[in-house]
PDB file of all heavy atoms in Angstrom:
ATOM      1  N   ASP A   1      24.562   6.931   4.579  1.00  0.00           N
ATOM      2  CA  ASP A   1      25.021   7.844   5.602  1.00  0.00           C
ATOM      3  C   ASP A   1      23.842   8.370   6.471  1.00  0.00           C
ATOM      4  O   ASP A   1      23.998   9.278   7.258  1.00  0.00           O
ATOM      5  CB  ASP A   1      25.722   9.042   4.998  1.00  0.00           C
ATOM      6  CG  ASP A   1      24.830   9.885   4.010  1.00  0.00           C
ATOM      7  OD1 ASP A   1      23.596   9.547   3.866  1.00  0.00           O
ATOM      8  OD2 ASP A   1      25.245  10.935   3.501  1.00  0.00           O
ATOM      9  N   GLY A   2      22.663   7.788   6.238  1.00  0.00           N
ATOM     10  CA  GLY A   2      21.504   8.106   7.046  1.00  0.00           C
ATOM     11  C   GLY A   2      20.681   9.227   6.441  1.00  0.00           C
ATOM     12  O   GLY A   2      19.655   9.658   7.020  1.00  0.00           O
ATOM     13  N   THR A   3      21.034   9.816   5.263  1.00  0.00           N
ATOM     14  CA  THR A   3      20.276  10.904   4.672  1.00  0.00           C
ATOM     15  C   THR A   3      18.933  10.305   4.186  1.00  0.00           C
ATOM     16  O   THR A   3      18.916   9.411   3.419  1.00  0.00           O
ATOM     17  CB  THR A   3      20.990  11.513   3.501  1.00  0.00           C
ATOM     18  OG1 THR A   3      22.313  11.955   3.939  1.00  0.00           O
ATOM     19  CG2 THR A   3      20.229  12.646   2.842  1.00  0.00           C
ATOM     20  N   PRO A   4      17.820  10.799   4.732  1.00  0.00           N
ATOM     21  CA  PRO A   4      16.486  10.312   4.255  1.00  0.00           C
ATOM     22  C   PRO A   4      16.316  10.483   2.736  1.00  0.00           C
ATOM     23  O   PRO A   4      16.672  11.485   2.158  1.00  0.00           O
ATOM     24  CB  PRO A   4      15.501  11.179   5.010  1.00  0.00           C
ATOM     25  CG  PRO A   4      16.269  11.718   6.151  1.00  0.00           C
ATOM     26  CD  PRO A   4      17.635  11.963   5.667  1.00  0.00           C
ATOM     27  N   ILE A   5      15.675   9.454   2.181  1.00  0.00           N
ATOM     28  CA  ILE A   5      15.279   9.498   0.776  1.00  0.00           C
ATOM     29  C   ILE A   5      13.796   9.682   0.612  1.00  0.00           C
ATOM     30  O   ILE A   5      13.284  10.611  -0.008  1.00  0.00           O
ATOM     31  CB  ILE A   5      15.791   8.256   0.028  1.00  0.00           C
ATOM     32  CG1 ILE A   5      17.327   8.237   0.073  1.00  0.00           C
ATOM     33  CG2 ILE A   5      15.314   8.298  -1.470  1.00  0.00           C
ATOM     34  CD1 ILE A   5      17.874   6.878  -0.552  1.00  0.00           C
ATOM     35  N   THR A   6      13.083   8.687   1.178  1.00  0.00           N
ATOM     36  CA  THR A   6      11.610   8.695   1.077  1.00  0.00           C
ATOM     37  C   THR A   6      11.086   7.746   2.096  1.00  0.00           C
ATOM     38  O   THR A   6      11.774   7.030   2.796  1.00  0.00           O
ATOM     39  CB  THR A   6      11.178   8.246  -0.366  1.00  0.00           C
ATOM     40  OG1 THR A   6       9.794   8.515  -0.497  1.00  0.00           O
ATOM     41  CG2 THR A   6      11.467   6.821  -0.580  1.00  0.00           C
ATOM     42  N   SER A   7       9.729   7.801   2.237  1.00  0.00           N
ATOM     43  CA  SER A   7       8.985   6.946   3.131  1.00  0.00           C
ATOM     44  C   SER A   7       7.759   6.431   2.306  1.00  0.00           C
ATOM     45  O   SER A   7       7.185   7.201   1.668  1.00  0.00           O
ATOM     46  CB  SER A   7       8.521   7.682   4.412  1.00  0.00           C
ATOM     47  OG  SER A   7       7.863   6.838   5.271  1.00  0.00           O
ATOM     48  N   VAL A   8       7.572   5.115   2.397  1.00  0.00           N
ATOM     49  CA  VAL A   8       6.455   4.514   1.702  1.00  0.00           C
ATOM     50  C   VAL A   8       5.569   3.825   2.691  1.00  0.00           C
ATOM     51  O   VAL A   8       6.041   3.143   3.637  1.00  0.00           O
ATOM     52  CB  VAL A   8       6.963   3.548   0.607  1.00  0.00           C
ATOM     53  CG1 VAL A   8       7.638   4.360  -0.479  1.00  0.00           C
ATOM     54  CG2 VAL A   8       7.839   2.479   1.155  1.00  0.00           C
ATOM     55  N   ASN A   9       4.327   3.854   2.528  1.00  0.00           N
ATOM     56  CA  ASN A   9       3.318   3.139   3.288  1.00  0.00           C
ATOM     57  C   ASN A   9       3.081   1.707   2.682  1.00  0.00           C
ATOM     58  O   ASN A   9       2.880   1.632   1.470  1.00  0.00           O
ATOM     59  CB  ASN A   9       1.994   3.898   3.423  1.00  0.00           C
ATOM     60  CG  ASN A   9       2.172   5.203   4.281  1.00  0.00           C
ATOM     61  OD1 ASN A   9       2.927   5.193   5.263  1.00  0.00           O
ATOM     62  ND2 ASN A   9       1.519   6.253   3.792  1.00  0.00           N
ATOM     63  N   ILE A  10       3.091   0.708   3.543  1.00  0.00           N
ATOM     64  CA  ILE A  10       2.866  -0.678   3.071  1.00  0.00           C
ATOM     65  C   ILE A  10       1.790  -1.284   3.946  1.00  0.00           C
ATOM     66  O   ILE A  10       1.860  -1.228   5.158  1.00  0.00           O
ATOM     67  CB  ILE A  10       4.180  -1.477   3.144  1.00  0.00           C
ATOM     68  CG1 ILE A  10       5.302  -0.756   2.446  1.00  0.00           C
ATOM     69  CG2 ILE A  10       3.950  -2.855   2.478  1.00  0.00           C
ATOM     70  CD1 ILE A  10       6.654  -1.497   2.508  1.00  0.00           C
ATOM     71  N   ALA A  11       0.781  -1.868   3.333  1.00  0.00           N
ATOM     72  CA  ALA A  11      -0.254  -2.515   3.975  1.00  0.00           C
ATOM     73  C   ALA A  11       0.279  -3.705   4.845  1.00  0.00           C
ATOM     74  O   ALA A  11       1.359  -4.266   4.480  1.00  0.00           O
ATOM     75  CB  ALA A  11      -1.361  -2.984   2.977  1.00  0.00           C
ATOM     76  N   GLY A  12      -0.522  -4.111   5.818  1.00  0.00           N
ATOM     77  CA  GLY A  12      -0.165  -5.301   6.563  1.00  0.00           C
ATOM     78  C   GLY A  12      -0.024  -6.495   5.605  1.00  0.00           C
ATOM     79  O   GLY A  12      -0.918  -6.719   4.686  1.00  0.00           O
ATOM     80  N   ASN A  13       1.078  -7.229   5.654  1.00  0.00           N
ATOM     81  CA  ASN A  13       1.397  -8.325   4.803  1.00  0.00           C
ATOM     82  C   ASN A  13       1.608  -7.881   3.349  1.00  0.00           C
ATOM     83  O   ASN A  13       1.652  -8.786   2.463  1.00  0.00           O
ATOM     84  CB  ASN A  13       0.350  -9.411   4.824  1.00  0.00           C
ATOM     85  CG  ASN A  13       0.072 -10.007   6.176  1.00  0.00           C
ATOM     86  OD1 ASN A  13       1.141 -10.291   6.908  1.00  0.00           O
ATOM     87  ND2 ASN A  13      -1.119 -10.144   6.594  1.00  0.00           N
ATOM     88  N   GLY A  14       1.686  -6.654   3.122  1.00  0.00           N
ATOM     89  CA  GLY A  14       1.844  -6.113   1.686  1.00  0.00           C
ATOM     90  C   GLY A  14       3.291  -5.981   1.308  1.00  0.00           C
ATOM     91  O   GLY A  14       4.244  -6.140   2.076  1.00  0.00           O
ATOM     92  N   THR A  15       3.496  -5.548   0.066  1.00  0.00           N
ATOM     93  CA  THR A  15       4.822  -5.295  -0.498  1.00  0.00           C
ATOM     94  C   THR A  15       4.776  -4.059  -1.424  1.00  0.00           C
ATOM     95  O   THR A  15       3.715  -3.678  -1.863  1.00  0.00           O
ATOM     96  CB  THR A  15       5.335  -6.531  -1.366  1.00  0.00           C
ATOM     97  OG1 THR A  15       4.372  -6.818  -2.378  1.00  0.00           O
ATOM     98  CG2 THR A  15       5.511  -7.801  -0.490  1.00  0.00           C
ATOM     99  N   THR A  16       5.954  -3.595  -1.683  1.00  0.00           N
ATOM    100  CA  THR A  16       6.075  -2.542  -2.634  1.00  0.00           C
ATOM    101  C   THR A  16       7.427  -2.699  -3.342  1.00  0.00           C
ATOM    102  O   THR A  16       8.376  -3.132  -2.695  1.00  0.00           O
ATOM    103  CB  THR A  16       5.965  -1.107  -1.966  1.00  0.00           C
ATOM    104  OG1 THR A  16       5.870  -0.117  -3.052  1.00  0.00           O
ATOM    105  CG2 THR A  16       7.159  -0.794  -1.096  1.00  0.00           C
ATOM    106  N   ALA A  17       7.500  -2.271  -4.644  1.00  0.00           N
ATOM    107  CA  ALA A  17       8.715  -2.360  -5.424  1.00  0.00           C
ATOM    108  C   ALA A  17       9.106  -0.919  -5.784  1.00  0.00           C
ATOM    109  O   ALA A  17       8.265  -0.193  -6.258  1.00  0.00           O
ATOM    110  CB  ALA A  17       8.588  -3.214  -6.646  1.00  0.00           C
ATOM    111  N   ILE A  18      10.378  -0.533  -5.562  1.00  0.00           N
ATOM    112  CA  ILE A  18      10.803   0.795  -5.878  1.00  0.00           C
ATOM    113  C   ILE A  18      12.047   0.721  -6.748  1.00  0.00           C
ATOM    114  O   ILE A  18      13.076   0.084  -6.367  1.00  0.00           O
ATOM    115  CB  ILE A  18      11.121   1.573  -4.575  1.00  0.00           C
ATOM    116  CG1 ILE A  18       9.992   1.569  -3.616  1.00  0.00           C
ATOM    117  CG2 ILE A  18      11.524   3.023  -4.862  1.00  0.00           C
ATOM    118  CD1 ILE A  18      10.282   2.142  -2.246  1.00  0.00           C
ATOM    119  N   ALA A  19      12.067   1.446  -7.953  1.00  0.00           N
ATOM    120  CA  ALA A  19      13.186   1.355  -8.803  1.00  0.00           C
ATOM    121  C   ALA A  19      14.290   2.322  -8.301  1.00  0.00           C
ATOM    122  O   ALA A  19      14.025   3.317  -7.542  1.00  0.00           O
ATOM    123  CB  ALA A  19      12.722   1.842 -10.171  1.00  0.00           C
ATOM    124  N   ALA A  20      15.505   1.926  -8.638  1.00  0.00           N
ATOM    125  CA  ALA A  20      16.709   2.731  -8.205  1.00  0.00           C
ATOM    126  C   ALA A  20      16.533   4.192  -8.648  1.00  0.00           C
ATOM    127  O   ALA A  20      16.923   5.119  -7.921  1.00  0.00           O
ATOM    128  CB  ALA A  20      17.936   2.167  -8.764  1.00  0.00           C
ATOM    129  N   ALA A  21      16.006   4.425  -9.859  1.00  0.00           N
ATOM    130  CA  ALA A  21      15.905   5.804 -10.244  1.00  0.00           C
ATOM    131  C   ALA A  21      14.928   6.681  -9.394  1.00  0.00           C
ATOM    132  O   ALA A  21      15.152   7.908  -9.258  1.00  0.00           O
ATOM    133  CB  ALA A  21      15.350   5.835 -11.717  1.00  0.00           C
ATOM    134  N   ALA A  22      13.963   6.010  -8.770  1.00  0.00           N
ATOM    135  CA  ALA A  22      13.106   6.719  -7.867  1.00  0.00           C
ATOM    136  C   ALA A  22      13.799   7.052  -6.539  1.00  0.00           C
ATOM    137  O   ALA A  22      13.373   7.924  -5.833  1.00  0.00           O
ATOM    138  CB  ALA A  22      11.835   5.859  -7.621  1.00  0.00           C
ATOM    139  N   LEU A  23      14.876   6.328  -6.262  1.00  0.00           N
ATOM    140  CA  LEU A  23      15.541   6.553  -4.995  1.00  0.00           C
ATOM    141  C   LEU A  23      16.778   7.531  -5.199  1.00  0.00           C
ATOM    142  O   LEU A  23      17.014   8.308  -4.322  1.00  0.00           O
ATOM    143  CB  LEU A  23      16.044   5.257  -4.426  1.00  0.00           C
ATOM    144  CG  LEU A  23      14.948   4.180  -4.152  1.00  0.00           C
ATOM    145  CD1 LEU A  23      15.602   2.892  -3.737  1.00  0.00           C
ATOM    146  CD2 LEU A  23      14.150   4.736  -2.929  1.00  0.00           C
ATOM    147  N   PHE A  24      17.440   7.387  -6.271  1.00  0.00           N
ATOM    148  CA  PHE A  24      18.751   8.134  -6.496  1.00  0.00           C
ATOM    149  C   PHE A  24      18.556   9.230  -7.528  1.00  0.00           C
ATOM    150  O   PHE A  24      19.563   9.959  -7.778  1.00  0.00           O
ATOM    151  CB  PHE A  24      19.880   7.162  -6.781  1.00  0.00           C
ATOM    152  CG  PHE A  24      20.194   6.172  -5.765  1.00  0.00           C
ATOM    153  CD1 PHE A  24      19.730   4.902  -5.791  1.00  0.00           C
ATOM    154  CD2 PHE A  24      20.900   6.609  -4.600  1.00  0.00           C
ATOM    155  CE1 PHE A  24      20.000   3.977  -4.808  1.00  0.00           C
ATOM    156  CE2 PHE A  24      21.163   5.694  -3.600  1.00  0.00           C
ATOM    157  CZ  PHE A  24      20.736   4.367  -3.703  1.00  0.00           C
ATOM    158  N   GLY A  25      17.477   9.223  -8.314  1.00  0.00           N
ATOM    159  CA  GLY A  25      17.379  10.242  -9.344  1.00  0.00           C
ATOM    160  C   GLY A  25      18.342   9.966 -10.475  1.00  0.00           C
ATOM    161  O   GLY A  25      18.489   8.826 -10.901  1.00  0.00           O
TER     162      GLY A  25
END
C-alpha cells in the first residue's frame, strides 16, 4: 500500500539480503 518499511544502502554492483522478519516484524 506504499507504507515505507525501511531503506538500505547498497554499494555499486552490490547486493543485500533481508529476512521477512526484519521487514514485517
